[in-house]
Amino acid sequence: MTEVGGIAGDVLRSYIERIERLEEEKAGIAANIREIFAEAKGNGFDTKVMRQVLKLRKMEPHDVAEQDELLELYKRALGMPIG
């Protein structure tokens, strides 16, 4: 193990290489997700709405309800149609 300035070089290299591998995997996954969105768009789906649905599915139900209530409140305050 090589130490420079109190830092174990082998351990640091191991961390860096693991992170680099994960970054490569992440880039591959992001490319796959882009392809799926492109396919969905090609089949007539609105990808902006799909992204909103994905975001909502990650949220807790009470947070979704609170967000919906605030949206309706804001729309009413602006005189927008509620639906």
PDB file of N, CA and C in Angstrom:
ATOM      1  N   MET A   1       0.855  -1.176   0.000  1.00  0.00           N
ATOM      2  CA  MET A   1       0.000   0.000   0.000  1.00  0.00           C
ATOM      3  C   MET A   1       0.897   1.235   0.000  1.00  0.00           C
ATOM      4  N   THR A   2       0.667   2.125  -0.934  1.00  0.00           N
ATOM      5  CA  THR A   2       1.443   3.345  -1.055  1.00  0.00           C
ATOM      6  C   THR A   2       0.726   4.465  -0.329  1.00  0.00           C
ATOM      7  N   GLU A   3       1.466   5.146   0.540  1.00  0.00           N
ATOM      8  CA  GLU A   3       0.884   6.281   1.250  1.00  0.00           C
ATOM      9  C   GLU A   3       1.603   7.548   0.849  1.00  0.00           C
ATOM     10  N   VAL A   4       0.799   8.553   0.506  1.00  0.00           N
ATOM     11  CA  VAL A   4       1.349   9.861   0.173  1.00  0.00           C
ATOM     12  C   VAL A   4       0.585  10.871   1.006  1.00  0.00           C
ATOM     13  N   GLY A   5       1.296  11.556   1.848  1.00  0.00           N
ATOM     14  CA  GLY A   5       0.646  12.558   2.691  1.00  0.00           C
ATOM     15  C   GLY A   5      -0.411  11.941   3.598  1.00  0.00           C
ATOM     16  N   GLY A   6      -0.204  10.706   4.018  1.00  0.00           N
ATOM     17  CA  GLY A   6      -1.153  10.039   4.905  1.00  0.00           C
ATOM     18  C   GLY A   6      -2.346   9.431   4.185  1.00  0.00           C
ATOM     19  N   ILE A   7      -2.321   9.437   2.844  1.00  0.00           N
ATOM     20  CA  ILE A   7      -3.436   8.882   2.073  1.00  0.00           C
ATOM     21  C   ILE A   7      -2.997   7.563   1.469  1.00  0.00           C
ATOM     22  N   ALA A   8      -3.789   6.522   1.695  1.00  0.00           N
ATOM     23  CA  ALA A   8      -3.497   5.206   1.145  1.00  0.00           C
ATOM     24  C   ALA A   8      -3.883   5.206  -0.335  1.00  0.00           C
ATOM     25  N   GLY A   9      -2.893   5.256  -1.214  1.00  0.00           N
ATOM     26  CA  GLY A   9      -3.118   5.349  -2.649  1.00  0.00           C
ATOM     27  C   GLY A   9      -3.920   4.196  -3.217  1.00  0.00           C
ATOM     28  N   ASP A  10      -3.655   2.972  -2.755  1.00  0.00           N
ATOM     29  CA  ASP A  10      -4.371   1.805  -3.271  1.00  0.00           C
ATOM     30  C   ASP A  10      -5.852   1.859  -2.920  1.00  0.00           C
ATOM     31  N   VAL A  11      -6.135   2.274  -1.712  1.00  0.00           N
ATOM     32  CA  VAL A  11      -7.532   2.374  -1.274  1.00  0.00           C
ATOM     33  C   VAL A  11      -8.239   3.460  -2.059  1.00  0.00           C
ATOM     34  N   LEU A  12      -7.588   4.610  -2.211  1.00  0.00           N
ATOM     35  CA  LEU A  12      -8.164   5.711  -2.967  1.00  0.00           C
ATOM     36  C   LEU A  12      -8.411   5.296  -4.415  1.00  0.00           C
ATOM     37  N   ARG A  13      -7.443   4.626  -5.032  1.00  0.00           N
ATOM     38  CA  ARG A  13      -7.582   4.173  -6.411  1.00  0.00           C
ATOM     39  C   ARG A  13      -8.780   3.223  -6.535  1.00  0.00           C
ATOM     40  N   SER A  14      -8.947   2.359  -5.569  1.00  0.00           N
ATOM     41  CA  SER A  14     -10.068   1.426  -5.575  1.00  0.00           C
ATOM     42  C   SER A  14     -11.403   2.167  -5.552  1.00  0.00           C
ATOM     43  N   TYR A  15     -11.510   3.165  -4.702  1.00  0.00           N
ATOM     44  CA  TYR A  15     -12.743   3.970  -4.649  1.00  0.00           C
ATOM     45  C   TYR A  15     -12.996   4.670  -5.981  1.00  0.00           C
ATOM     46  N   ILE A  16     -11.957   5.298  -6.508  1.00  0.00           N
ATOM     47  CA  ILE A  16     -12.083   6.035  -7.764  1.00  0.00           C
ATOM     48  C   ILE A  16     -12.507   5.101  -8.893  1.00  0.00           C
ATOM     49  N   GLU A  17     -11.895   3.946  -8.994  1.00  0.00           N
ATOM     50  CA  GLU A  17     -12.229   3.002 -10.062  1.00  0.00           C
ATOM     51  C   GLU A  17     -13.653   2.465  -9.920  1.00  0.00           C
ATOM     52  N   ARG A  18     -14.079   2.219  -8.687  1.00  0.00           N
ATOM     53  CA  ARG A  18     -15.463   1.771  -8.477  1.00  0.00           C
ATOM     54  C   ARG A  18     -16.450   2.843  -8.909  1.00  0.00           C
ATOM     55  N   ILE A  19     -16.160   4.090  -8.553  1.00  0.00           N
ATOM     56  CA  ILE A  19     -17.036   5.201  -8.946  1.00  0.00           C
ATOM     57  C   ILE A  19     -17.058   5.344 -10.459  1.00  0.00           C
ATOM     58  N   GLU A  20     -15.897   5.220 -11.096  1.00  0.00           N
ATOM     59  CA  GLU A  20     -15.841   5.324 -12.556  1.00  0.00           C
ATOM     60  C   GLU A  20     -16.684   4.242 -13.226  1.00  0.00           C
ATOM     61  N   ARG A  21     -16.628   3.023 -12.718  1.00  0.00           N
ATOM     62  CA  ARG A  21     -17.448   1.938 -13.285  1.00  0.00           C
ATOM     63  C   ARG A  21     -18.934   2.242 -13.123  1.00  0.00           C
ATOM     64  N   LEU A  22     -19.308   2.736 -11.964  1.00  0.00           N
ATOM     65  CA  LEU A  22     -20.716   3.073 -11.734  1.00  0.00           C
ATOM     66  C   LEU A  22     -21.163   4.233 -12.623  1.00  0.00           C
ATOM     67  N   GLU A  23     -20.279   5.211 -12.838  1.00  0.00           N
ATOM     68  CA  GLU A  23     -20.599   6.328 -13.735  1.00  0.00           C
ATOM     69  C   GLU A  23     -20.839   5.815 -15.153  1.00  0.00           C
ATOM     70  N   GLU A  24     -20.041   4.848 -15.607  1.00  0.00           N
ATOM     71  CA  GLU A  24     -20.237   4.249 -16.925  1.00  0.00           C
ATOM     72  C   GLU A  24     -21.589   3.542 -17.002  1.00  0.00           C
ATOM     73  N   GLU A  25     -21.914   2.790 -15.965  1.00  0.00           N
ATOM     74  CA  GLU A  25     -23.206   2.098 -15.918  1.00  0.00           C
ATOM     75  C   GLU A  25     -24.344   3.103 -15.930  1.00  0.00           C
ATOM     76  N   LYS A  26     -24.186   4.182 -15.160  1.00  0.00           N
ATOM     77  CA  LYS A  26     -25.215   5.216 -15.089  1.00  0.00           C
ATOM     78  C   LYS A  26     -25.442   5.843 -16.459  1.00  0.00           C
ATOM     79  N   ALA A  27     -24.361   6.106 -17.191  1.00  0.00           N
ATOM     80  CA  ALA A  27     -24.487   6.682 -18.532  1.00  0.00           C
ATOM     81  C   ALA A  27     -25.223   5.719 -19.463  1.00  0.00           C
ATOM     82  N   GLY A  28     -24.934   4.441 -19.335  1.00  0.00           N
ATOM     83  CA  GLY A  28     -25.624   3.435 -20.143  1.00  0.00           C
ATOM     84  C   GLY A  28     -27.098   3.365 -19.814  1.00  0.00           C
ATOM     85  N   ILE A  29     -27.423   3.423 -18.551  1.00  0.00           N
ATOM     86  CA  ILE A  29     -28.821   3.389 -18.125  1.00  0.00           C
ATOM     87  C   ILE A  29     -29.549   4.637 -18.608  1.00  0.00           C
ATOM     88  N   ALA A  30     -28.897   5.799 -18.508  1.00  0.00           N
ATOM     89  CA  ALA A  30     -29.515   7.044 -18.984  1.00  0.00           C
ATOM     90  C   ALA A  30     -29.799   6.959 -20.478  1.00  0.00           C
ATOM     91  N   ALA A  31     -28.892   6.362 -21.238  1.00  0.00           N
ATOM     92  CA  ALA A  31     -29.109   6.198 -22.676  1.00  0.00           C
ATOM     93  C   ALA A  31     -30.304   5.280 -22.924  1.00  0.00           C
ATOM     94  N   ASN A  32     -30.429   4.218 -22.147  1.00  0.00           N
ATOM     95  CA  ASN A  32     -31.569   3.307 -22.283  1.00  0.00           C
ATOM     96  C   ASN A  32     -32.880   4.017 -21.981  1.00  0.00           C
ATOM     97  N   ILE A  33     -32.875   4.853 -20.962  1.00  0.00           N
ATOM     98  CA  ILE A  33     -34.084   5.601 -20.594  1.00  0.00           C
ATOM     99  C   ILE A  33     -34.461   6.565 -21.711  1.00  0.00           C
ATOM    100  N   ARG A  34     -33.471   7.249 -22.287  1.00  0.00           N
ATOM    101  CA  ARG A  34     -33.746   8.148 -23.418  1.00  0.00           C
ATOM    102  C   ARG A  34     -34.366   7.383 -24.584  1.00  0.00           C
ATOM    103  N   GLU A  35     -33.865   6.192 -24.851  1.00  0.00           N
ATOM    104  CA  GLU A  35     -34.415   5.367 -25.931  1.00  0.00           C
ATOM    105  C   GLU A  35     -35.873   5.002 -25.669  1.00  0.00           C
ATOM    106  N   ILE A  36     -36.184   4.668 -24.428  1.00  0.00           N
ATOM    107  CA  ILE A  36     -37.564   4.307 -24.082  1.00  0.00           C
ATOM    108  C   ILE A  36     -38.481   5.515 -24.260  1.00  0.00           C
ATOM    109  N   PHE A  37     -38.027   6.690 -23.814  1.00  0.00           N
ATOM    110  CA  PHE A  37     -38.832   7.896 -24.008  1.00  0.00           C
ATOM    111  C   PHE A  37     -39.031   8.185 -25.496  1.00  0.00           C
ATOM    112  N   ALA A  38     -37.991   8.006 -26.298  1.00  0.00           N
ATOM    113  CA  ALA A  38     -38.102   8.233 -27.742  1.00  0.00           C
ATOM    114  C   ALA A  38     -39.102   7.254 -28.355  1.00  0.00           C
ATOM    115  N   GLU A  39     -39.056   6.008 -27.914  1.00  0.00           N
ATOM    116  CA  GLU A  39     -40.002   4.997 -28.404  1.00  0.00           C
ATOM    117  C   GLU A  39     -41.428   5.371 -28.021  1.00  0.00           C
ATOM    118  N   ALA A  40     -41.615   5.788 -26.781  1.00  0.00           N
ATOM    119  CA  ALA A  40     -42.949   6.183 -26.310  1.00  0.00           C
ATOM    120  C   ALA A  40     -43.456   7.382 -27.107  1.00  0.00           C
ATOM    121  N   LYS A  41     -42.572   8.352 -27.342  1.00  0.00           N
ATOM    122  CA  LYS A  41     -42.954   9.533 -28.121  1.00  0.00           C
ATOM    123  C   LYS A  41     -43.343   9.135 -29.534  1.00  0.00           C
ATOM    124  N   GLY A  42     -42.605   8.198 -30.116  1.00  0.00           N
ATOM    125  CA  GLY A  42     -42.911   7.699 -31.443  1.00  0.00           C
ATOM    126  C   GLY A  42     -44.257   7.001 -31.520  1.00  0.00           C
ATOM    127  N   ASN A  43     -44.718   6.495 -30.390  1.00  0.00           N
ATOM    128  CA  ASN A  43     -46.024   5.833 -30.317  1.00  0.00           C
ATOM    129  C   ASN A  43     -47.123   6.779 -29.854  1.00  0.00           C
ATOM    130  N   GLY A  44     -46.818   8.081 -29.819  1.00  0.00           N
ATOM    131  CA  GLY A  44     -47.848   9.081 -29.546  1.00  0.00           C
ATOM    132  C   GLY A  44     -48.013   9.489 -28.093  1.00  0.00           C
ATOM    133  N   PHE A  45     -47.156   9.037 -27.212  1.00  0.00           N
ATOM    134  CA  PHE A  45     -47.269   9.423 -25.810  1.00  0.00           C
ATOM    135  C   PHE A  45     -46.568  10.751 -25.566  1.00  0.00           C
ATOM    136  N   ASP A  46     -47.096  11.533 -24.634  1.00  0.00           N
ATOM    137  CA  ASP A  46     -46.511  12.810 -24.254  1.00  0.00           C
ATOM    138  C   ASP A  46     -45.458  12.536 -23.183  1.00  0.00           C
ATOM    139  N   THR A  47     -44.194  12.710 -23.545  1.00  0.00           N
ATOM    140  CA  THR A  47     -43.122  12.350 -22.619  1.00  0.00           C
ATOM    141  C   THR A  47     -43.020  13.295 -21.429  1.00  0.00           C
ATOM    142  N   LYS A  48     -43.458  14.542 -21.599  1.00  0.00           N
ATOM    143  CA  LYS A  48     -43.463  15.464 -20.457  1.00  0.00           C
ATOM    144  C   LYS A  48     -44.427  14.966 -19.389  1.00  0.00           C
ATOM    145  N   VAL A  49     -45.584  14.502 -19.833  1.00  0.00           N
ATOM    146  CA  VAL A  49     -46.571  13.974 -18.885  1.00  0.00           C
ATOM    147  C   VAL A  49     -46.045  12.683 -18.266  1.00  0.00           C
ATOM    148  N   MET A  50     -45.387  11.857 -19.068  1.00  0.00           N
ATOM    149  CA  MET A  50     -44.815  10.622 -18.522  1.00  0.00           C
ATOM    150  C   MET A  50     -43.815  10.929 -17.413  1.00  0.00           C
ATOM    151  N   ARG A  51     -43.001  11.970 -17.614  1.00  0.00           N
ATOM    152  CA  ARG A  51     -42.028  12.345 -16.587  1.00  0.00           C
ATOM    153  C   ARG A  51     -42.735  12.818 -15.314  1.00  0.00           C
ATOM    154  N   GLN A  52     -43.842  13.538 -15.493  1.00  0.00           N
ATOM    155  CA  GLN A  52     -44.613  13.981 -14.329  1.00  0.00           C
ATOM    156  C   GLN A  52     -45.181  12.781 -13.584  1.00  0.00           C
ATOM    157  N   VAL A  53     -45.685  11.796 -14.331  1.00  0.00           N
ATOM    158  CA  VAL A  53     -46.237  10.588 -13.703  1.00  0.00           C
ATOM    159  C   VAL A  53     -45.144   9.854 -12.933  1.00  0.00           C
ATOM    160  N   LEU A  54     -43.968   9.740 -13.529  1.00  0.00           N
ATOM    161  CA  LEU A  54     -42.852   9.089 -12.837  1.00  0.00           C
ATOM    162  C   LEU A  54     -42.526   9.806 -11.531  1.00  0.00           C
ATOM    163  N   LYS A  55     -42.522  11.133 -11.589  1.00  0.00           N
ATOM    164  CA  LYS A  55     -42.240  11.933 -10.386  1.00  0.00           C
ATOM    165  C   LYS A  55     -43.308  11.696  -9.323  1.00  0.00           C
ATOM    166  N   LEU A  56     -44.579  11.689  -9.749  1.00  0.00           N
ATOM    167  CA  LEU A  56     -45.675  11.479  -8.799  1.00  0.00           C
ATOM    168  C   LEU A  56     -45.615  10.093  -8.162  1.00  0.00           C
ATOM    169  N   ARG A  57     -45.240   9.092  -8.952  1.00  0.00           N
ATOM    170  CA  ARG A  57     -45.180   7.721  -8.427  1.00  0.00           C
ATOM    171  C   ARG A  57     -44.109   7.560  -7.350  1.00  0.00           C
ATOM    172  N   LYS A  58     -43.109   8.440  -7.351  1.00  0.00           N
ATOM    173  CA  LYS A  58     -42.056   8.398  -6.332  1.00  0.00           C
ATOM    174  C   LYS A  58     -42.493   9.065  -5.029  1.00  0.00           C
ATOM    175  N   MET A  59     -43.541   9.878  -5.117  1.00  0.00           N
ATOM    176  CA  MET A  59     -43.971  10.667  -3.957  1.00  0.00           C
ATOM    177  C   MET A  59     -44.921   9.867  -3.063  1.00  0.00           C
ATOM    178  N   GLU A  60     -44.989  10.280  -1.827  1.00  0.00           N
ATOM    179  CA  GLU A  60     -45.949   9.710  -0.882  1.00  0.00           C
ATOM    180  C   GLU A  60     -47.343  10.207  -1.256  1.00  0.00           C
ATOM    181  N   PRO A  61     -48.373   9.371  -1.062  1.00  0.00           N
ATOM    182  CA  PRO A  61     -49.735   9.780  -1.435  1.00  0.00           C
ATOM    183  C   PRO A  61     -50.183  11.101  -0.812  1.00  0.00           C
ATOM    184  N   HIS A  62     -49.839  11.340   0.453  1.00  0.00           N
ATOM    185  CA  HIS A  62     -50.267  12.595   1.082  1.00  0.00           C
ATOM    186  C   HIS A  62     -49.566  13.803   0.449  1.00  0.00           C
ATOM    187  N   ASP A  63     -48.334  13.616  -0.027  1.00  0.00           N
ATOM    188  CA  ASP A  63     -47.634  14.709  -0.704  1.00  0.00           C
ATOM    189  C   ASP A  63     -48.270  15.004  -2.067  1.00  0.00           C
ATOM    190  N   VAL A  64     -48.713  13.954  -2.758  1.00  0.00           N
ATOM    191  CA  VAL A  64     -49.397  14.132  -4.044  1.00  0.00           C
ATOM    192  C   VAL A  64     -50.700  14.894  -3.826  1.00  0.00           C
ATOM    193  N   ALA A  65     -51.453  14.486  -2.811  1.00  0.00           N
ATOM    194  CA  ALA A  65     -52.726  15.152  -2.521  1.00  0.00           C
ATOM    195  C   ALA A  65     -52.494  16.620  -2.172  1.00  0.00           C
ATOM    196  N   GLU A  66     -51.479  16.903  -1.378  1.00  0.00           N
ATOM    197  CA  GLU A  66     -51.170  18.285  -0.996  1.00  0.00           C
ATOM    198  C   GLU A  66     -50.794  19.105  -2.226  1.00  0.00           C
ATOM    199  N   GLN A  67     -50.001  18.530  -3.108  1.00  0.00           N
ATOM    200  CA  GLN A  67     -49.598  19.228  -4.323  1.00  0.00           C
ATOM    201  C   GLN A  67     -50.812  19.506  -5.216  1.00  0.00           C
ATOM    202  N   ASP A  68     -51.712  18.527  -5.343  1.00  0.00           N
ATOM    203  CA  ASP A  68     -52.931  18.718  -6.140  1.00  0.00           C
ATOM    204  C   ASP A  68     -53.795  19.833  -5.564  1.00  0.00           C
ATOM    205  N   GLU A  69     -53.940  19.859  -4.232  1.00  0.00           N
ATOM    206  CA  GLU A  69     -54.741  20.901  -3.582  1.00  0.00           C
ATOM    207  C   GLU A  69     -54.145  22.283  -3.815  1.00  0.00           C
ATOM    208  N   LEU A  70     -52.821  22.384  -3.702  1.00  0.00           N
ATOM    209  CA  LEU A  70     -52.164  23.671  -3.935  1.00  0.00           C
ATOM    210  C   LEU A  70     -52.315  24.116  -5.383  1.00  0.00           C
ATOM    211  N   LEU A  71     -52.215  23.178  -6.303  1.00  0.00           N
ATOM    212  CA  LEU A  71     -52.369  23.516  -7.706  1.00  0.00           C
ATOM    213  C   LEU A  71     -53.769  24.069  -7.983  1.00  0.00           C
ATOM    214  N   GLU A  72     -54.786  23.414  -7.422  1.00  0.00           N
ATOM    215  CA  GLU A  72     -56.158  23.903  -7.592  1.00  0.00           C
ATOM    216  C   GLU A  72     -56.335  25.274  -6.944  1.00  0.00           C
ATOM    217  N   LEU A  73     -55.769  25.465  -5.781  1.00  0.00           N
ATOM    218  CA  LEU A  73     -55.844  26.751  -5.095  1.00  0.00           C
ATOM    219  C   LEU A  73     -55.215  27.854  -5.944  1.00  0.00           C
ATOM    220  N   TYR A  74     -54.044  27.607  -6.475  1.00  0.00           N
ATOM    221  CA  TYR A  74     -53.345  28.577  -7.312  1.00  0.00           C
ATOM    222  C   TYR A  74     -54.142  28.880  -8.578  1.00  0.00           C
ATOM    223  N   LYS A  75     -54.711  27.846  -9.172  1.00  0.00           N
ATOM    224  CA  LYS A  75     -55.524  28.055 -10.381  1.00  0.00           C
ATOM    225  C   LYS A  75     -56.734  28.936 -10.080  1.00  0.00           C
ATOM    226  N   ARG A  76     -57.413  28.656  -8.957  1.00  0.00           N
ATOM    227  CA  ARG A  76     -58.547  29.466  -8.562  1.00  0.00           C
ATOM    228  C   ARG A  76     -58.132  30.916  -8.336  1.00  0.00           C
ATOM    229  N   ALA A  77     -56.991  31.107  -7.677  1.00  0.00           N
ATOM    230  CA  ALA A  77     -56.499  32.451  -7.390  1.00  0.00           C
ATOM    231  C   ALA A  77     -56.212  33.221  -8.679  1.00  0.00           C
ATOM    232  N   LEU A  78     -55.846  32.506  -9.742  1.00  0.00           N
ATOM    233  CA  LEU A  78     -55.535  33.134 -11.024  1.00  0.00           C
ATOM    234  C   LEU A  78     -56.725  33.174 -11.970  1.00  0.00           C
ATOM    235  N   GLY A  79     -57.867  32.645 -11.506  1.00  0.00           N
ATOM    236  CA  GLY A  79     -59.058  32.629 -12.341  1.00  0.00           C
ATOM    237  C   GLY A  79     -58.993  31.640 -13.481  1.00  0.00           C
ATOM    238  N   MET A  80     -58.183  30.596 -13.318  1.00  0.00           N
ATOM    239  CA  MET A  80     -58.036  29.582 -14.362  1.00  0.00           C
ATOM    240  C   MET A  80     -59.090  28.495 -14.184  1.00  0.00           C
ATOM    241  N   PRO A  81     -59.480  27.837 -15.261  1.00  0.00           N
ATOM    242  CA  PRO A  81     -60.433  26.738 -15.123  1.00  0.00           C
ATOM    243  C   PRO A  81     -59.834  25.573 -14.333  1.00  0.00           C
ATOM    244  N   ILE A  82     -60.650  24.961 -13.508  1.00  0.00           N
ATOM    245  CA  ILE A  82     -60.223  23.838 -12.694  1.00  0.00           C
ATOM    246  C   ILE A  82     -60.848  22.586 -13.272  1.00  0.00           C
ATOM    247  N   GLY A  83     -60.035  21.569 -13.429  1.00  0.00           N
ATOM    248  CA  GLY A  83     -60.603  20.375 -14.022  1.00  0.00           C
ATOM    249  C   GLY A  83     -59.886  19.149 -13.737  1.00  0.00           C
TER     250      GLY A  83
END
